[in-house]
PDB file of all heavy atoms in Angstrom:
ATOM      1  N   ARG A   1     -21.114  -3.351   3.337  1.00  0.00           N
ATOM      2  CA  ARG A   1     -19.917  -3.156   4.165  1.00  0.00           C
ATOM      3  C   ARG A   1     -20.138  -2.318   5.404  1.00  0.00           C
ATOM      4  O   ARG A   1     -19.550  -2.661   6.423  1.00  0.00           O
ATOM      5  CB  ARG A   1     -18.894  -2.427   3.234  1.00  0.00           C
ATOM      6  CG  ARG A   1     -17.484  -2.304   3.848  1.00  0.00           C
ATOM      7  CD  ARG A   1     -16.453  -1.905   2.831  1.00  0.00           C
ATOM      8  NE  ARG A   1     -15.105  -1.911   3.340  1.00  0.00           N
ATOM      9  CZ  ARG A   1     -14.562  -0.929   3.997  1.00  0.00           C
ATOM     10  NH1 ARG A   1     -15.249   0.199   4.179  1.00  0.00           N
ATOM     11  NH2 ARG A   1     -13.413  -1.060   4.449  1.00  0.00           N
ATOM     12  N   GLU A   2     -21.060  -1.397   5.369  1.00  0.00           N
ATOM     13  CA  GLU A   2     -21.290  -0.579   6.475  1.00  0.00           C
ATOM     14  C   GLU A   2     -21.891  -1.462   7.602  1.00  0.00           C
ATOM     15  O   GLU A   2     -21.595  -1.268   8.736  1.00  0.00           O
ATOM     16  CB  GLU A   2     -22.212   0.654   6.146  1.00  0.00           C
ATOM     17  CG  GLU A   2     -21.611   1.641   5.292  1.00  0.00           C
ATOM     18  CD  GLU A   2     -21.562   1.239   3.813  1.00  0.00           C
ATOM     19  OE1 GLU A   2     -22.102   0.165   3.425  1.00  0.00           O
ATOM     20  OE2 GLU A   2     -21.012   1.939   2.972  1.00  0.00           O
ATOM     21  N   ALA A   3     -22.883  -2.327   7.239  1.00  0.00           N
ATOM     22  CA  ALA A   3     -23.520  -3.146   8.206  1.00  0.00           C
ATOM     23  C   ALA A   3     -22.518  -4.095   8.903  1.00  0.00           C
ATOM     24  O   ALA A   3     -22.552  -4.352  10.074  1.00  0.00           O
ATOM     25  CB  ALA A   3     -24.626  -3.946   7.616  1.00  0.00           C
ATOM     26  N   SER A   4     -21.620  -4.579   8.044  1.00  0.00           N
ATOM     27  CA  SER A   4     -20.567  -5.433   8.640  1.00  0.00           C
ATOM     28  C   SER A   4     -19.639  -4.666   9.579  1.00  0.00           C
ATOM     29  O   SER A   4     -19.250  -5.227  10.625  1.00  0.00           O
ATOM     30  CB  SER A   4     -19.697  -6.110   7.514  1.00  0.00           C
ATOM     31  OG  SER A   4     -20.463  -6.812   6.681  1.00  0.00           O
ATOM     32  N   ALA A   5     -19.413  -3.424   9.213  1.00  0.00           N
ATOM     33  CA  ALA A   5     -18.528  -2.688  10.149  1.00  0.00           C
ATOM     34  C   ALA A   5     -19.161  -2.427  11.327  1.00  0.00           C
ATOM     35  O   ALA A   5     -18.508  -2.320  12.512  1.00  0.00           O
ATOM     36  CB  ALA A   5     -18.127  -1.347   9.353  1.00  0.00           C
ATOM     37  N   ALA A   6     -20.508  -2.215  11.318  1.00  0.00           N
ATOM     38  CA  ALA A   6     -21.203  -1.876  12.597  1.00  0.00           C
ATOM     39  C   ALA A   6     -21.043  -2.989  13.688  1.00  0.00           C
ATOM     40  O   ALA A   6     -21.076  -2.718  14.836  1.00  0.00           O
ATOM     41  CB  ALA A   6     -22.707  -1.663  12.347  1.00  0.00           C
ATOM     42  N   ASP A   7     -20.979  -4.281  13.251  1.00  0.00           N
ATOM     43  CA  ASP A   7     -20.842  -5.277  14.281  1.00  0.00           C
ATOM     44  C   ASP A   7     -19.335  -5.676  14.477  1.00  0.00           C
ATOM     45  O   ASP A   7     -19.133  -6.735  15.090  1.00  0.00           O
ATOM     46  CB  ASP A   7     -21.659  -6.539  13.854  1.00  0.00           C
ATOM     47  CG  ASP A   7     -21.245  -7.204  12.615  1.00  0.00           C
ATOM     48  OD1 ASP A   7     -20.080  -6.981  12.145  1.00  0.00           O
ATOM     49  OD2 ASP A   7     -21.999  -7.960  12.029  1.00  0.00           O
ATOM     50  N   GLY A   8     -18.446  -4.891  13.933  1.00  0.00           N
ATOM     51  CA  GLY A   8     -17.082  -5.066  14.240  1.00  0.00           C
ATOM     52  C   GLY A   8     -16.416  -6.087  13.465  1.00  0.00           C
ATOM     53  O   GLY A   8     -15.188  -6.473  13.710  1.00  0.00           O
ATOM     54  N   ARG A   9     -17.047  -6.691  12.466  1.00  0.00           N
ATOM     55  CA  ARG A   9     -16.413  -7.829  11.781  1.00  0.00           C
ATOM     56  C   ARG A   9     -15.483  -7.355  10.604  1.00  0.00           C
ATOM     57  O   ARG A   9     -14.774  -8.081  10.070  1.00  0.00           O
ATOM     58  CB  ARG A   9     -17.495  -8.756  11.152  1.00  0.00           C
ATOM     59  CG  ARG A   9     -18.125  -9.643  12.260  1.00  0.00           C
ATOM     60  CD  ARG A   9     -19.116 -10.647  11.698  1.00  0.00           C
ATOM     61  NE  ARG A   9     -20.322  -9.944  11.280  1.00  0.00           N
ATOM     62  CZ  ARG A   9     -20.683  -9.943   9.978  1.00  0.00           C
ATOM     63  NH1 ARG A   9     -19.972 -10.510   9.053  1.00  0.00           N
ATOM     64  NH2 ARG A   9     -21.835  -9.383   9.590  1.00  0.00           N
ATOM     65  N   THR A  10     -15.655  -6.044  10.136  1.00  0.00           N
ATOM     66  CA  THR A  10     -14.883  -5.592   9.033  1.00  0.00           C
ATOM     67  C   THR A  10     -13.961  -4.474   9.571  1.00  0.00           C
ATOM     68  O   THR A  10     -14.403  -3.592  10.261  1.00  0.00           O
ATOM     69  CB  THR A  10     -15.758  -5.037   7.939  1.00  0.00           C
ATOM     70  OG1 THR A  10     -16.537  -6.030   7.375  1.00  0.00           O
ATOM     71  CG2 THR A  10     -14.848  -4.358   6.856  1.00  0.00           C
ATOM     72  N   LYS A  11     -12.640  -4.607   9.292  1.00  0.00           N
ATOM     73  CA  LYS A  11     -11.647  -3.693   9.791  1.00  0.00           C
ATOM     74  C   LYS A  11     -11.418  -2.650   8.690  1.00  0.00           C
ATOM     75  O   LYS A  11     -11.602  -2.922   7.491  1.00  0.00           O
ATOM     76  CB  LYS A  11     -10.331  -4.350  10.111  1.00  0.00           C
ATOM     77  CG  LYS A  11     -10.464  -5.425  11.187  1.00  0.00           C
ATOM     78  CD  LYS A  11      -9.135  -6.171  11.366  1.00  0.00           C
ATOM     79  CE  LYS A  11      -9.293  -7.239  12.394  1.00  0.00           C
ATOM     80  NZ  LYS A  11      -8.061  -8.081  12.446  1.00  0.00           N
ATOM     81  N   PRO A  12     -10.942  -1.431   9.074  1.00  0.00           N
ATOM     82  CA  PRO A  12     -10.541  -0.432   8.001  1.00  0.00           C
ATOM     83  C   PRO A  12      -9.384  -1.080   7.191  1.00  0.00           C
ATOM     84  O   PRO A  12      -8.571  -1.806   7.678  1.00  0.00           O
ATOM     85  CB  PRO A  12     -10.122   0.768   8.885  1.00  0.00           C
ATOM     86  CG  PRO A  12     -10.750   0.605  10.137  1.00  0.00           C
ATOM     87  CD  PRO A  12     -10.858  -0.881  10.468  1.00  0.00           C
ATOM     88  N   VAL A  13      -9.359  -0.637   5.980  1.00  0.00           N
ATOM     89  CA  VAL A  13      -8.322  -1.147   5.037  1.00  0.00           C
ATOM     90  C   VAL A  13      -7.341   0.023   4.756  1.00  0.00           C
ATOM     91  O   VAL A  13      -7.733   1.097   4.286  1.00  0.00           O
ATOM     92  CB  VAL A  13      -8.969  -1.610   3.716  1.00  0.00           C
ATOM     93  CG1 VAL A  13      -7.838  -2.040   2.686  1.00  0.00           C
ATOM     94  CG2 VAL A  13      -9.909  -2.772   4.044  1.00  0.00           C
ATOM     95  N   VAL A  14      -6.121  -0.234   4.953  1.00  0.00           N
ATOM     96  CA  VAL A  14      -4.998   0.716   4.646  1.00  0.00           C
ATOM     97  C   VAL A  14      -4.282   0.201   3.377  1.00  0.00           C
ATOM     98  O   VAL A  14      -3.802  -0.810   3.336  1.00  0.00           O
ATOM     99  CB  VAL A  14      -3.974   0.775   5.819  1.00  0.00           C
ATOM    100  CG1 VAL A  14      -2.847   1.781   5.449  1.00  0.00           C
ATOM    101  CG2 VAL A  14      -4.668   1.206   7.133  1.00  0.00           C
ATOM    102  N   MET A  15      -4.294   1.079   2.305  1.00  0.00           N
ATOM    103  CA  MET A  15      -3.538   0.776   1.160  1.00  0.00           C
ATOM    104  C   MET A  15      -2.233   1.395   1.165  1.00  0.00           C
ATOM    105  O   MET A  15      -2.076   2.637   1.272  1.00  0.00           O
ATOM    106  CB  MET A  15      -4.347   1.342  -0.040  1.00  0.00           C
ATOM    107  CG  MET A  15      -3.583   1.144  -1.402  1.00  0.00           C
ATOM    108  SD  MET A  15      -3.266  -0.582  -1.746  1.00  0.00           S
ATOM    109  CE  MET A  15      -4.840  -1.174  -2.434  1.00  0.00           C
ATOM    110  N   LEU A  16      -1.169   0.507   1.100  1.00  0.00           N
ATOM    111  CA  LEU A  16       0.159   1.032   1.092  1.00  0.00           C
ATOM    112  C   LEU A  16       0.611   0.995  -0.361  1.00  0.00           C
ATOM    113  O   LEU A  16       0.462  -0.045  -1.129  1.00  0.00           O
ATOM    114  CB  LEU A  16       1.073   0.109   1.925  1.00  0.00           C
ATOM    115  CG  LEU A  16       0.789   0.007   3.433  1.00  0.00           C
ATOM    116  CD1 LEU A  16       1.802  -0.845   4.140  1.00  0.00           C
ATOM    117  CD2 LEU A  16       0.771   1.448   4.041  1.00  0.00           C
ATOM    118  N   ASP A  17       1.200   2.041  -0.847  1.00  0.00           N
ATOM    119  CA  ASP A  17       1.661   2.205  -2.173  1.00  0.00           C
ATOM    120  C   ASP A  17       3.165   2.399  -2.327  1.00  0.00           C
ATOM    121  O   ASP A  17       3.585   3.507  -2.239  1.00  0.00           O
ATOM    122  CB  ASP A  17       0.895   3.362  -2.877  1.00  0.00           C
ATOM    123  CG  ASP A  17       1.410   3.665  -4.209  1.00  0.00           C
ATOM    124  OD1 ASP A  17       1.612   2.764  -4.993  1.00  0.00           O
ATOM    125  OD2 ASP A  17       1.630   4.868  -4.554  1.00  0.00           O
ATOM    126  N   PRO A  18       3.970   1.265  -2.409  1.00  0.00           N
ATOM    127  CA  PRO A  18       5.352   1.456  -2.570  1.00  0.00           C
ATOM    128  C   PRO A  18       5.643   2.079  -4.002  1.00  0.00           C
ATOM    129  O   PRO A  18       5.294   1.483  -5.019  1.00  0.00           O
ATOM    130  CB  PRO A  18       5.979  -0.027  -2.517  1.00  0.00           C
ATOM    131  CG  PRO A  18       4.802  -0.819  -1.979  1.00  0.00           C
ATOM    132  CD  PRO A  18       3.550  -0.146  -2.375  1.00  0.00           C
ATOM    133  N   GLY A  19       6.281   3.260  -4.004  1.00  0.00           N
ATOM    134  CA  GLY A  19       6.401   3.918  -5.270  1.00  0.00           C
ATOM    135  C   GLY A  19       7.304   3.197  -6.248  1.00  0.00           C
ATOM    136  O   GLY A  19       8.137   2.401  -5.967  1.00  0.00           O
ATOM    137  N   HIS A  20       7.170   3.595  -7.493  1.00  0.00           N
ATOM    138  CA  HIS A  20       8.067   3.101  -8.621  1.00  0.00           C
ATOM    139  C   HIS A  20       7.869   1.552  -8.794  1.00  0.00           C
ATOM    140  O   HIS A  20       6.925   1.058  -8.509  1.00  0.00           O
ATOM    141  CB  HIS A  20       9.488   3.603  -8.384  1.00  0.00           C
ATOM    142  CG  HIS A  20       9.571   5.081  -8.160  1.00  0.00           C
ATOM    143  ND1 HIS A  20       9.530   6.007  -9.124  1.00  0.00           N
ATOM    144  CD2 HIS A  20       9.772   5.711  -7.000  1.00  0.00           C
ATOM    145  CE1 HIS A  20       9.638   7.217  -8.611  1.00  0.00           C
ATOM    146  NE2 HIS A  20       9.740   7.066  -7.299  1.00  0.00           N
ATOM    147  N   GLY A  21       8.963   0.940  -9.300  1.00  0.00           N
ATOM    148  CA  GLY A  21       8.912  -0.438  -9.546  1.00  0.00           C
ATOM    149  C   GLY A  21       8.988  -0.905 -11.021  1.00  0.00           C
ATOM    150  O   GLY A  21       8.595  -0.082 -11.911  1.00  0.00           O
ATOM    151  N   GLY A  22       9.554  -2.032 -11.294  1.00  0.00           N
ATOM    152  CA  GLY A  22       9.649  -2.475 -12.657  1.00  0.00           C
ATOM    153  C   GLY A  22      10.553  -1.637 -13.461  1.00  0.00           C
ATOM    154  O   GLY A  22      11.703  -1.397 -13.130  1.00  0.00           O
ATOM    155  N   VAL A  23       9.973  -1.190 -14.597  1.00  0.00           N
ATOM    156  CA  VAL A  23      10.826  -0.329 -15.561  1.00  0.00           C
ATOM    157  C   VAL A  23      11.162   1.041 -14.936  1.00  0.00           C
ATOM    158  O   VAL A  23      11.988   1.735 -15.496  1.00  0.00           O
ATOM    159  CB  VAL A  23      10.072  -0.065 -16.865  1.00  0.00           C
ATOM    160  CG1 VAL A  23       9.864  -1.319 -17.635  1.00  0.00           C
ATOM    161  CG2 VAL A  23       8.737   0.648 -16.616  1.00  0.00           C
ATOM    162  N   ASP A  24      10.604   1.410 -13.829  1.00  0.00           N
ATOM    163  CA  ASP A  24      10.865   2.687 -13.168  1.00  0.00           C
ATOM    164  C   ASP A  24      11.428   2.410 -11.746  1.00  0.00           C
ATOM    165  O   ASP A  24      10.715   2.261 -10.794  1.00  0.00           O
ATOM    166  CB  ASP A  24       9.521   3.417 -13.039  1.00  0.00           C
ATOM    167  CG  ASP A  24       9.649   4.645 -12.169  1.00  0.00           C
ATOM    168  OD1 ASP A  24      10.758   5.302 -12.164  1.00  0.00           O
ATOM    169  OD2 ASP A  24       8.595   4.937 -11.522  1.00  0.00           O
ATOM    170  N   PRO A  25      12.753   2.367 -11.661  1.00  0.00           N
ATOM    171  CA  PRO A  25      13.304   2.075 -10.325  1.00  0.00           C
ATOM    172  C   PRO A  25      13.341   3.260  -9.402  1.00  0.00           C
ATOM    173  O   PRO A  25      13.672   3.109  -8.194  1.00  0.00           O
ATOM    174  CB  PRO A  25      14.801   1.692 -10.739  1.00  0.00           C
ATOM    175  CG  PRO A  25      15.085   2.489 -11.999  1.00  0.00           C
ATOM    176  CD  PRO A  25      13.733   2.540 -12.761  1.00  0.00           C
ATOM    177  N   GLY A  26      13.085   4.461  -9.900  1.00  0.00           N
ATOM    178  CA  GLY A  26      13.075   5.650  -9.034  1.00  0.00           C
ATOM    179  C   GLY A  26      14.553   6.127  -8.858  1.00  0.00           C
ATOM    180  O   GLY A  26      15.334   5.950  -9.824  1.00  0.00           O
ATOM    181  N   ALA A  27      14.788   6.744  -7.733  1.00  0.00           N
ATOM    182  CA  ALA A  27      16.197   7.296  -7.495  1.00  0.00           C
ATOM    183  C   ALA A  27      17.102   6.132  -7.234  1.00  0.00           C
ATOM    184  O   ALA A  27      16.683   5.058  -6.844  1.00  0.00           O
ATOM    185  CB  ALA A  27      16.111   8.210  -6.340  1.00  0.00           C
ATOM    186  N   GLU A  28      18.324   6.323  -7.589  1.00  0.00           N
ATOM    187  CA  GLU A  28      19.424   5.390  -7.351  1.00  0.00           C
ATOM    188  C   GLU A  28      20.650   5.956  -6.711  1.00  0.00           C
ATOM    189  O   GLU A  28      21.123   7.002  -7.253  1.00  0.00           O
ATOM    190  CB  GLU A  28      19.769   4.658  -8.707  1.00  0.00           C
ATOM    191  CG  GLU A  28      18.603   3.862  -9.313  1.00  0.00           C
ATOM    192  CD  GLU A  28      18.971   3.115 -10.507  1.00  0.00           C
ATOM    193  OE1 GLU A  28      19.878   2.182 -10.472  1.00  0.00           O
ATOM    194  OE2 GLU A  28      18.445   3.429 -11.634  1.00  0.00           O
ATOM    195  N   ARG A  29      21.208   5.343  -5.709  1.00  0.00           N
ATOM    196  CA  ARG A  29      22.384   5.828  -5.055  1.00  0.00           C
ATOM    197  C   ARG A  29      23.232   4.651  -4.550  1.00  0.00           C
ATOM    198  O   ARG A  29      22.587   3.819  -3.910  1.00  0.00           O
ATOM    199  CB  ARG A  29      22.075   6.792  -3.856  1.00  0.00           C
ATOM    200  CG  ARG A  29      21.533   8.136  -4.247  1.00  0.00           C
ATOM    201  CD  ARG A  29      22.548   9.047  -4.956  1.00  0.00           C
ATOM    202  NE  ARG A  29      22.084  10.394  -5.145  1.00  0.00           N
ATOM    203  CZ  ARG A  29      21.370  10.807  -6.140  1.00  0.00           C
ATOM    204  NH1 ARG A  29      20.904   9.905  -6.997  1.00  0.00           N
ATOM    205  NH2 ARG A  29      20.988  12.045  -6.260  1.00  0.00           N
ATOM    206  N   ASP A  30      24.473   4.691  -4.837  1.00  0.00           N
ATOM    207  CA  ASP A  30      25.420   3.692  -4.229  1.00  0.00           C
ATOM    208  C   ASP A  30      24.880   2.196  -4.550  1.00  0.00           C
ATOM    209  O   ASP A  30      24.991   1.331  -3.741  1.00  0.00           O
ATOM    210  CB  ASP A  30      25.643   3.801  -2.789  1.00  0.00           C
ATOM    211  CG  ASP A  30      26.188   5.134  -2.391  1.00  0.00           C
ATOM    212  OD1 ASP A  30      26.873   5.757  -3.393  1.00  0.00           O
ATOM    213  OD2 ASP A  30      25.963   5.605  -1.314  1.00  0.00           O
ATOM    214  N   GLY A  31      24.344   2.029  -5.709  1.00  0.00           N
ATOM    215  CA  GLY A  31      23.824   0.718  -6.181  1.00  0.00           C
ATOM    216  C   GLY A  31      22.476   0.324  -5.490  1.00  0.00           C
ATOM    217  O   GLY A  31      21.944  -0.763  -5.626  1.00  0.00           O
ATOM    218  N   VAL A  32      21.830   1.331  -4.782  1.00  0.00           N
ATOM    219  CA  VAL A  32      20.529   1.011  -4.135  1.00  0.00           C
ATOM    220  C   VAL A  32      19.470   1.746  -4.910  1.00  0.00           C
ATOM    221  O   VAL A  32      19.572   2.920  -5.290  1.00  0.00           O
ATOM    222  CB  VAL A  32      20.543   1.534  -2.742  1.00  0.00           C
ATOM    223  CG1 VAL A  32      19.216   1.284  -2.060  1.00  0.00           C
ATOM    224  CG2 VAL A  32      21.697   0.892  -1.918  1.00  0.00           C
ATOM    225  N   ARG A  33      18.383   1.071  -5.160  1.00  0.00           N
ATOM    226  CA  ARG A  33      17.239   1.606  -5.922  1.00  0.00           C
ATOM    227  C   ARG A  33      16.069   1.975  -4.972  1.00  0.00           C
ATOM    228  O   ARG A  33      15.783   1.240  -3.967  1.00  0.00           O
ATOM    229  CB  ARG A  33      16.735   0.599  -6.906  1.00  0.00           C
ATOM    230  CG  ARG A  33      17.796   0.095  -7.858  1.00  0.00           C
ATOM    231  CD  ARG A  33      17.158  -0.673  -9.056  1.00  0.00           C
ATOM    232  NE  ARG A  33      16.150  -1.612  -8.602  1.00  0.00           N
ATOM    233  CZ  ARG A  33      15.351  -2.304  -9.455  1.00  0.00           C
ATOM    234  NH1 ARG A  33      15.456  -1.996 -10.752  1.00  0.00           N
ATOM    235  NH2 ARG A  33      14.473  -3.155  -9.041  1.00  0.00           N
TER     236      ARG A  33
END
């Protein structure tokens, strides 16, 4: 991966983690989860 990054072919990866989900809806207000 490092060699690929050196020639610009591999971009950094950002992991987005939307919290909760499924059996765990998180906070709830006015019908919004």
